[in-house]
Amino acid sequence: MNETLRQAVELLGQGMLGIFVVLGLIALLVVLMQKLSGKR
């Protein structure tokens, strides 16, 4: 039971980390697009 719980928490942590990385990349893309489109 305890081992299963630990594995679940590890998976959850990895998932959260992945989500934050993806969100960060999207934020960077949005900022770049704004800077490029703002030069017109």
N, C-alpha and C. Protein backbone atom coordinates (compact mmCIF):
# COMPACT_ATOMS: atom_id res chain seq x y z
N MET A 1 0.85 -1.20 0.00
CA MET A 1 0.00 0.00 0.00
C MET A 1 0.88 1.25 0.00
N ASN A 2 1.84 1.27 0.93
CA ASN A 2 2.69 2.45 1.04
C ASN A 2 3.52 2.66 -0.23
N GLU A 3 4.03 1.55 -0.79
CA GLU A 3 4.84 1.63 -2.01
C GLU A 3 4.00 2.15 -3.17
N THR A 4 2.77 1.66 -3.26
CA THR A 4 1.87 2.11 -4.33
C THR A 4 1.61 3.60 -4.20
N LEU A 5 1.39 4.05 -2.98
CA LEU A 5 1.13 5.47 -2.74
C LEU A 5 2.33 6.31 -3.16
N ARG A 6 3.54 5.81 -2.83
CA ARG A 6 4.76 6.55 -3.20
C ARG A 6 4.90 6.66 -4.71
N GLN A 7 4.60 5.56 -5.42
CA GLN A 7 4.67 5.59 -6.88
C GLN A 7 3.65 6.58 -7.45
N ALA A 8 2.46 6.61 -6.88
CA ALA A 8 1.43 7.53 -7.34
C ALA A 8 1.88 8.98 -7.15
N VAL A 9 2.49 9.27 -6.00
CA VAL A 9 2.94 10.63 -5.73
C VAL A 9 4.06 11.01 -6.70
N GLU A 10 4.95 10.06 -6.99
CA GLU A 10 6.04 10.35 -7.93
C GLU A 10 5.48 10.65 -9.32
N LEU A 11 4.51 9.84 -9.76
CA LEU A 11 3.89 10.08 -11.06
C LEU A 11 3.21 11.44 -11.09
N LEU A 12 2.52 11.77 -10.02
CA LEU A 12 1.83 13.06 -9.94
C LEU A 12 2.84 14.20 -10.03
N GLY A 13 3.97 14.06 -9.31
CA GLY A 13 5.00 15.10 -9.35
C GLY A 13 5.56 15.28 -10.75
N GLN A 14 5.83 14.17 -11.43
CA GLN A 14 6.37 14.25 -12.79
C GLN A 14 5.35 14.91 -13.71
N GLY A 15 4.08 14.56 -13.55
CA GLY A 15 3.04 15.15 -14.38
C GLY A 15 2.95 16.65 -14.17
N MET A 16 2.98 17.08 -12.90
CA MET A 16 2.92 18.50 -12.59
C MET A 16 4.11 19.22 -13.21
N LEU A 17 5.31 18.62 -13.07
CA LEU A 17 6.52 19.22 -13.63
C LEU A 17 6.36 19.39 -15.14
N GLY A 18 5.89 18.35 -15.80
CA GLY A 18 5.70 18.42 -17.26
C GLY A 18 4.71 19.52 -17.63
N ILE A 19 3.63 19.63 -16.88
CA ILE A 19 2.62 20.65 -17.17
C ILE A 19 3.23 22.05 -17.02
N PHE A 20 4.04 22.25 -15.94
CA PHE A 20 4.64 23.57 -15.75
C PHE A 20 5.62 23.89 -16.86
N VAL A 21 6.39 22.90 -17.32
CA VAL A 21 7.33 23.12 -18.43
C VAL A 21 6.58 23.53 -19.69
N VAL A 22 5.50 22.82 -19.99
CA VAL A 22 4.71 23.14 -21.19
C VAL A 22 4.12 24.54 -21.08
N LEU A 23 3.59 24.88 -19.90
CA LEU A 23 3.01 26.22 -19.70
C LEU A 23 4.09 27.28 -19.89
N GLY A 24 5.29 27.04 -19.38
CA GLY A 24 6.39 28.00 -19.54
C GLY A 24 6.73 28.19 -21.01
N LEU A 25 6.80 27.09 -21.76
CA LEU A 25 7.11 27.19 -23.19
C LEU A 25 6.03 27.98 -23.92
N ILE A 26 4.77 27.72 -23.60
CA ILE A 26 3.67 28.45 -24.24
C ILE A 26 3.77 29.94 -23.92
N ALA A 27 4.08 30.27 -22.66
CA ALA A 27 4.21 31.67 -22.26
C ALA A 27 5.33 32.34 -23.06
N LEU A 28 6.46 31.65 -23.22
CA LEU A 28 7.57 32.21 -24.00
C LEU A 28 7.15 32.44 -25.45
N LEU A 29 6.43 31.48 -26.02
CA LEU A 29 5.96 31.62 -27.40
C LEU A 29 5.04 32.83 -27.52
N VAL A 30 4.13 33.00 -26.57
CA VAL A 30 3.20 34.14 -26.62
C VAL A 30 3.97 35.46 -26.57
N VAL A 31 4.96 35.54 -25.69
CA VAL A 31 5.75 36.79 -25.57
C VAL A 31 6.49 37.06 -26.88
N LEU A 32 7.09 36.02 -27.46
CA LEU A 32 7.82 36.20 -28.72
C LEU A 32 6.86 36.67 -29.82
N MET A 33 5.68 36.05 -29.93
CA MET A 33 4.71 36.43 -30.95
C MET A 33 4.29 37.89 -30.77
N GLN A 34 4.08 38.32 -29.52
CA GLN A 34 3.69 39.71 -29.26
C GLN A 34 4.80 40.66 -29.69
N LYS A 35 6.05 40.30 -29.39
CA LYS A 35 7.16 41.19 -29.76
C LYS A 35 7.29 41.27 -31.28
N LEU A 36 7.13 40.14 -31.96
CA LEU A 36 7.26 40.13 -33.43
C LEU A 36 6.10 40.89 -34.08
N SER A 37 4.88 40.68 -33.60
CA SER A 37 3.71 41.31 -34.23
C SER A 37 3.63 42.79 -33.82
N GLY A 38 4.32 43.19 -32.79
CA GLY A 38 4.25 44.58 -32.36
C GLY A 38 5.12 45.52 -33.17
N LYS A 39 6.00 44.95 -34.03
CA LYS A 39 6.92 45.80 -34.79
C LYS A 39 6.29 46.42 -36.02
N ARG A 40 5.12 45.86 -36.43
CA ARG A 40 4.48 46.41 -37.64
C ARG A 40 4.18 47.84 -37.40
